[in-house]
Amino acid sequence: MVRTPLTPEERLRGERLGRLLREARGERSMVAVAASAGISAETLRKIETGRAPTPAFFTVAALAGALGLSMDELLGRCALEPAGSVGSEASAGPAVVPLIA
């Protein structure tokens, strides 16, 4: 099965998710957080760097739990892009982008 290419919005959403998870992880090791979430450190690395911009829902939920984030908080912080930060799209105000397609 051929996977359809990601849209620019999906890539940006993946980058925001990765940045948020990296910030929430703080000084904790990637290996420790990944183990706590029941995923591999390589999977967490790919998500944090945006190389896996559309992780499975249960992977995101497990990471949120391991990092002490609620899914509502994760969605709220990841879905809204502040005005003026994403080229011409942001000129019309904040864009609401779903966390998981």
N, C-alpha and C. Protein backbone atom coordinates (compact mmCIF):
# COMPACT_ATOMS: atom_id res chain seq x y z
N MET A 1 0.84 -1.16 0.00
CA MET A 1 0.00 0.00 0.00
C MET A 1 0.89 1.24 0.00
N VAL A 2 0.57 2.19 -0.84
CA VAL A 2 1.35 3.42 -0.96
C VAL A 2 0.75 4.47 -0.04
N ARG A 3 1.57 5.08 0.75
CA ARG A 3 1.13 6.12 1.68
C ARG A 3 1.11 7.46 0.96
N THR A 4 0.03 8.21 1.15
CA THR A 4 -0.06 9.53 0.53
C THR A 4 0.92 10.47 1.22
N PRO A 5 1.52 11.37 0.46
CA PRO A 5 2.48 12.32 1.03
C PRO A 5 1.79 13.21 2.08
N LEU A 6 2.55 13.60 3.06
CA LEU A 6 2.03 14.48 4.10
C LEU A 6 1.89 15.90 3.56
N THR A 7 0.88 16.59 4.05
CA THR A 7 0.69 17.99 3.69
C THR A 7 1.64 18.84 4.53
N PRO A 8 1.89 20.06 4.12
CA PRO A 8 2.72 20.95 4.94
C PRO A 8 2.14 21.13 6.35
N GLU A 9 0.82 21.17 6.46
CA GLU A 9 0.18 21.32 7.77
C GLU A 9 0.45 20.11 8.65
N GLU A 10 0.42 18.91 8.06
CA GLU A 10 0.71 17.70 8.83
C GLU A 10 2.15 17.69 9.31
N ARG A 11 3.05 18.15 8.46
CA ARG A 11 4.45 18.22 8.87
C ARG A 11 4.64 19.21 10.02
N LEU A 12 4.01 20.38 9.92
CA LEU A 12 4.10 21.38 10.99
C LEU A 12 3.51 20.86 12.29
N ARG A 13 2.38 20.18 12.19
CA ARG A 13 1.74 19.62 13.38
C ARG A 13 2.67 18.61 14.03
N GLY A 14 3.33 17.78 13.22
CA GLY A 14 4.28 16.80 13.76
C GLY A 14 5.46 17.47 14.43
N GLU A 15 5.94 18.56 13.85
CA GLU A 15 7.05 19.30 14.46
C GLU A 15 6.63 19.91 15.80
N ARG A 16 5.41 20.47 15.85
CA ARG A 16 4.91 21.05 17.11
C ARG A 16 4.76 19.97 18.17
N LEU A 17 4.22 18.81 17.78
CA LEU A 17 4.07 17.71 18.73
C LEU A 17 5.44 17.29 19.27
N GLY A 18 6.40 17.12 18.38
CA GLY A 18 7.74 16.72 18.80
C GLY A 18 8.37 17.72 19.75
N ARG A 19 8.23 19.01 19.42
CA ARG A 19 8.79 20.07 20.26
C ARG A 19 8.14 20.05 21.65
N LEU A 20 6.83 19.88 21.69
CA LEU A 20 6.11 19.85 22.96
C LEU A 20 6.55 18.66 23.81
N LEU A 21 6.66 17.50 23.20
CA LEU A 21 7.08 16.31 23.94
C LEU A 21 8.52 16.45 24.44
N ARG A 22 9.38 17.01 23.62
CA ARG A 22 10.78 17.22 24.02
C ARG A 22 10.84 18.17 25.22
N GLU A 23 10.06 19.26 25.17
CA GLU A 23 10.03 20.20 26.29
C GLU A 23 9.48 19.55 27.55
N ALA A 24 8.43 18.75 27.41
CA ALA A 24 7.82 18.09 28.57
C ALA A 24 8.76 17.05 29.17
N ARG A 25 9.58 16.43 28.34
CA ARG A 25 10.53 15.42 28.82
C ARG A 25 11.60 16.07 29.68
N GLY A 26 11.97 17.30 29.37
CA GLY A 26 12.95 18.03 30.16
C GLY A 26 14.27 17.30 30.28
N GLU A 27 14.73 17.10 31.49
CA GLU A 27 16.02 16.46 31.75
C GLU A 27 15.94 14.94 31.79
N ARG A 28 14.72 14.39 31.73
CA ARG A 28 14.58 12.93 31.76
C ARG A 28 15.17 12.34 30.48
N SER A 29 15.72 11.17 30.60
CA SER A 29 16.32 10.55 29.42
C SER A 29 15.24 10.05 28.47
N MET A 30 15.58 10.04 27.20
CA MET A 30 14.68 9.53 26.18
C MET A 30 14.35 8.06 26.44
N VAL A 31 15.34 7.30 26.86
CA VAL A 31 15.16 5.87 27.12
C VAL A 31 14.17 5.67 28.27
N ALA A 32 14.30 6.44 29.34
CA ALA A 32 13.41 6.29 30.49
C ALA A 32 11.97 6.65 30.14
N VAL A 33 11.77 7.74 29.42
CA VAL A 33 10.42 8.16 29.04
C VAL A 33 9.81 7.15 28.08
N ALA A 34 10.59 6.70 27.11
CA ALA A 34 10.08 5.71 26.15
C ALA A 34 9.68 4.42 26.87
N ALA A 35 10.51 3.96 27.78
CA ALA A 35 10.20 2.74 28.53
C ALA A 35 8.93 2.92 29.34
N SER A 36 8.78 4.07 29.96
CA SER A 36 7.59 4.36 30.76
C SER A 36 6.33 4.36 29.89
N ALA A 37 6.46 4.78 28.64
CA ALA A 37 5.33 4.82 27.73
C ALA A 37 5.12 3.50 27.00
N GLY A 38 6.07 2.58 27.12
CA GLY A 38 5.96 1.30 26.45
C GLY A 38 6.27 1.33 24.97
N ILE A 39 7.13 2.28 24.59
CA ILE A 39 7.55 2.38 23.19
C ILE A 39 9.08 2.35 23.14
N SER A 40 9.62 2.21 21.95
CA SER A 40 11.08 2.20 21.83
C SER A 40 11.63 3.63 21.88
N ALA A 41 12.87 3.75 22.29
CA ALA A 41 13.53 5.05 22.30
C ALA A 41 13.62 5.60 20.88
N GLU A 42 13.80 4.72 19.90
CA GLU A 42 13.88 5.17 18.51
C GLU A 42 12.55 5.76 18.04
N THR A 43 11.44 5.18 18.47
CA THR A 43 10.13 5.75 18.12
C THR A 43 9.98 7.13 18.73
N LEU A 44 10.35 7.28 19.99
CA LEU A 44 10.28 8.60 20.63
C LEU A 44 11.20 9.58 19.92
N ARG A 45 12.39 9.15 19.56
CA ARG A 45 13.33 10.02 18.84
C ARG A 45 12.72 10.50 17.52
N LYS A 46 12.09 9.60 16.79
CA LYS A 46 11.46 9.97 15.51
C LYS A 46 10.32 10.96 15.71
N ILE A 47 9.53 10.77 16.75
CA ILE A 47 8.42 11.69 17.02
C ILE A 47 8.97 13.06 17.42
N GLU A 48 9.94 13.07 18.32
CA GLU A 48 10.50 14.34 18.79
C GLU A 48 11.18 15.14 17.68
N THR A 49 11.75 14.45 16.71
CA THR A 49 12.44 15.16 15.64
C THR A 49 11.55 15.44 14.44
N GLY A 50 10.30 15.00 14.49
CA GLY A 50 9.37 15.25 13.40
C GLY A 50 9.48 14.25 12.26
N ARG A 51 10.32 13.23 12.41
CA ARG A 51 10.45 12.22 11.35
C ARG A 51 9.27 11.25 11.36
N ALA A 52 8.48 11.24 12.43
CA ALA A 52 7.24 10.46 12.51
C ALA A 52 6.13 11.44 12.88
N PRO A 53 5.71 12.27 11.93
CA PRO A 53 4.78 13.36 12.24
C PRO A 53 3.35 12.93 12.50
N THR A 54 3.01 11.67 12.22
CA THR A 54 1.64 11.21 12.47
C THR A 54 1.66 9.92 13.28
N PRO A 55 2.12 10.01 14.53
CA PRO A 55 2.16 8.80 15.36
C PRO A 55 0.75 8.32 15.68
N ALA A 56 0.64 7.04 16.01
CA ALA A 56 -0.65 6.45 16.37
C ALA A 56 -1.21 7.12 17.63
N PHE A 57 -2.53 7.17 17.71
CA PHE A 57 -3.20 7.77 18.85
C PHE A 57 -2.72 7.18 20.17
N PHE A 58 -2.65 5.85 20.25
CA PHE A 58 -2.28 5.22 21.51
C PHE A 58 -0.82 5.48 21.87
N THR A 59 0.02 5.72 20.91
CA THR A 59 1.40 6.10 21.18
C THR A 59 1.44 7.49 21.80
N VAL A 60 0.67 8.42 21.23
CA VAL A 60 0.60 9.78 21.78
C VAL A 60 0.00 9.74 23.18
N ALA A 61 -1.06 8.95 23.37
CA ALA A 61 -1.69 8.85 24.69
C ALA A 61 -0.72 8.28 25.72
N ALA A 62 0.05 7.27 25.35
CA ALA A 62 1.02 6.68 26.27
C ALA A 62 2.11 7.68 26.63
N LEU A 63 2.58 8.44 25.64
CA LEU A 63 3.60 9.45 25.92
C LEU A 63 3.04 10.56 26.80
N ALA A 64 1.82 10.98 26.54
CA ALA A 64 1.19 12.01 27.38
C ALA A 64 1.13 11.54 28.82
N GLY A 65 0.71 10.29 29.02
CA GLY A 65 0.65 9.75 30.39
C GLY A 65 2.01 9.68 31.04
N ALA A 66 3.01 9.24 30.31
CA ALA A 66 4.37 9.13 30.86
C ALA A 66 4.95 10.49 31.21
N LEU A 67 4.51 11.52 30.50
CA LEU A 67 5.04 12.87 30.72
C LEU A 67 4.15 13.72 31.62
N GLY A 68 3.05 13.15 32.08
CA GLY A 68 2.15 13.89 32.97
C GLY A 68 1.33 14.95 32.26
N LEU A 69 1.07 14.75 30.98
CA LEU A 69 0.26 15.69 30.21
C LEU A 69 -1.11 15.08 29.97
N SER A 70 -2.15 15.89 30.03
CA SER A 70 -3.46 15.39 29.64
C SER A 70 -3.58 15.49 28.13
N MET A 71 -4.44 14.68 27.56
CA MET A 71 -4.66 14.75 26.11
C MET A 71 -5.25 16.11 25.73
N ASP A 72 -6.10 16.68 26.60
CA ASP A 72 -6.65 18.01 26.32
C ASP A 72 -5.54 19.06 26.28
N GLU A 73 -4.62 18.97 27.23
CA GLU A 73 -3.51 19.92 27.26
C GLU A 73 -2.63 19.75 26.01
N LEU A 74 -2.36 18.51 25.68
CA LEU A 74 -1.54 18.22 24.51
C LEU A 74 -2.20 18.76 23.24
N LEU A 75 -3.48 18.53 23.08
CA LEU A 75 -4.20 19.03 21.92
C LEU A 75 -4.20 20.55 21.89
N GLY A 76 -4.50 21.16 23.03
CA GLY A 76 -4.55 22.62 23.09
C GLY A 76 -3.23 23.28 22.78
N ARG A 77 -2.15 22.71 23.27
CA ARG A 77 -0.84 23.31 23.05
C ARG A 77 -0.27 22.98 21.68
N CYS A 78 -0.73 21.89 21.09
CA CYS A 78 -0.17 21.46 19.82
C CYS A 78 -0.99 21.93 18.63
N ALA A 79 -2.27 22.14 18.80
CA ALA A 79 -3.16 22.44 17.68
C ALA A 79 -3.18 23.90 17.29
N LEU A 80 -3.03 24.80 18.23
CA LEU A 80 -3.12 26.22 17.91
C LEU A 80 -1.75 26.79 17.60
N GLU A 81 -1.65 27.43 16.47
CA GLU A 81 -0.40 28.08 16.06
C GLU A 81 -0.58 29.58 16.27
N PRO A 82 0.27 30.22 17.06
CA PRO A 82 0.13 31.66 17.29
C PRO A 82 0.16 32.46 15.99
N ALA A 83 -0.62 33.52 15.95
CA ALA A 83 -0.68 34.38 14.76
C ALA A 83 0.70 34.94 14.45
N GLY A 84 1.02 34.98 13.17
CA GLY A 84 2.28 35.57 12.73
C GLY A 84 3.46 34.62 12.71
N SER A 85 3.25 33.34 13.07
CA SER A 85 4.40 32.46 13.14
C SER A 85 4.50 31.46 11.99
N VAL A 86 3.48 31.36 11.16
CA VAL A 86 3.54 30.42 10.04
C VAL A 86 3.16 31.13 8.76
N GLY A 87 4.07 31.86 8.21
CA GLY A 87 3.88 32.50 6.91
C GLY A 87 2.57 33.22 6.75
N SER A 88 1.97 33.14 5.55
CA SER A 88 0.76 33.88 5.25
C SER A 88 -0.47 33.28 5.88
N GLU A 89 -0.47 31.99 6.22
CA GLU A 89 -1.63 31.37 6.84
C GLU A 89 -1.99 32.05 8.15
N ALA A 90 -0.99 32.46 8.89
CA ALA A 90 -1.22 33.02 10.21
C ALA A 90 -1.74 34.44 10.16
N SER A 91 -1.68 35.09 9.02
CA SER A 91 -2.13 36.47 8.95
C SER A 91 -3.62 36.60 9.19
N ALA A 92 -4.38 35.52 8.99
CA ALA A 92 -5.82 35.56 9.21
C ALA A 92 -6.16 35.21 10.65
N GLY A 93 -5.19 34.99 11.51
CA GLY A 93 -5.45 34.63 12.90
C GLY A 93 -4.93 33.23 13.16
N PRO A 94 -5.16 32.75 14.38
CA PRO A 94 -4.65 31.43 14.72
C PRO A 94 -5.34 30.34 13.90
N ALA A 95 -4.56 29.38 13.48
CA ALA A 95 -5.10 28.26 12.71
C ALA A 95 -5.35 27.09 13.65
N VAL A 96 -6.49 26.47 13.52
CA VAL A 96 -6.78 25.29 14.32
C VAL A 96 -6.51 24.08 13.44
N VAL A 97 -5.58 23.25 13.90
CA VAL A 97 -5.18 22.07 13.15
C VAL A 97 -5.37 20.87 14.04
N PRO A 98 -6.09 19.83 13.60
CA PRO A 98 -6.27 18.66 14.44
C PRO A 98 -4.95 18.00 14.76
N LEU A 99 -4.83 17.46 15.97
CA LEU A 99 -3.60 16.81 16.40
C LEU A 99 -3.35 15.53 15.62
N ILE A 100 -4.35 14.72 15.48
CA ILE A 100 -4.19 13.43 14.82
C ILE A 100 -5.19 13.37 13.67
N ALA A 101 -4.68 13.08 12.50
CA ALA A 101 -5.57 13.00 11.32
C ALA A 101 -6.26 11.66 11.26
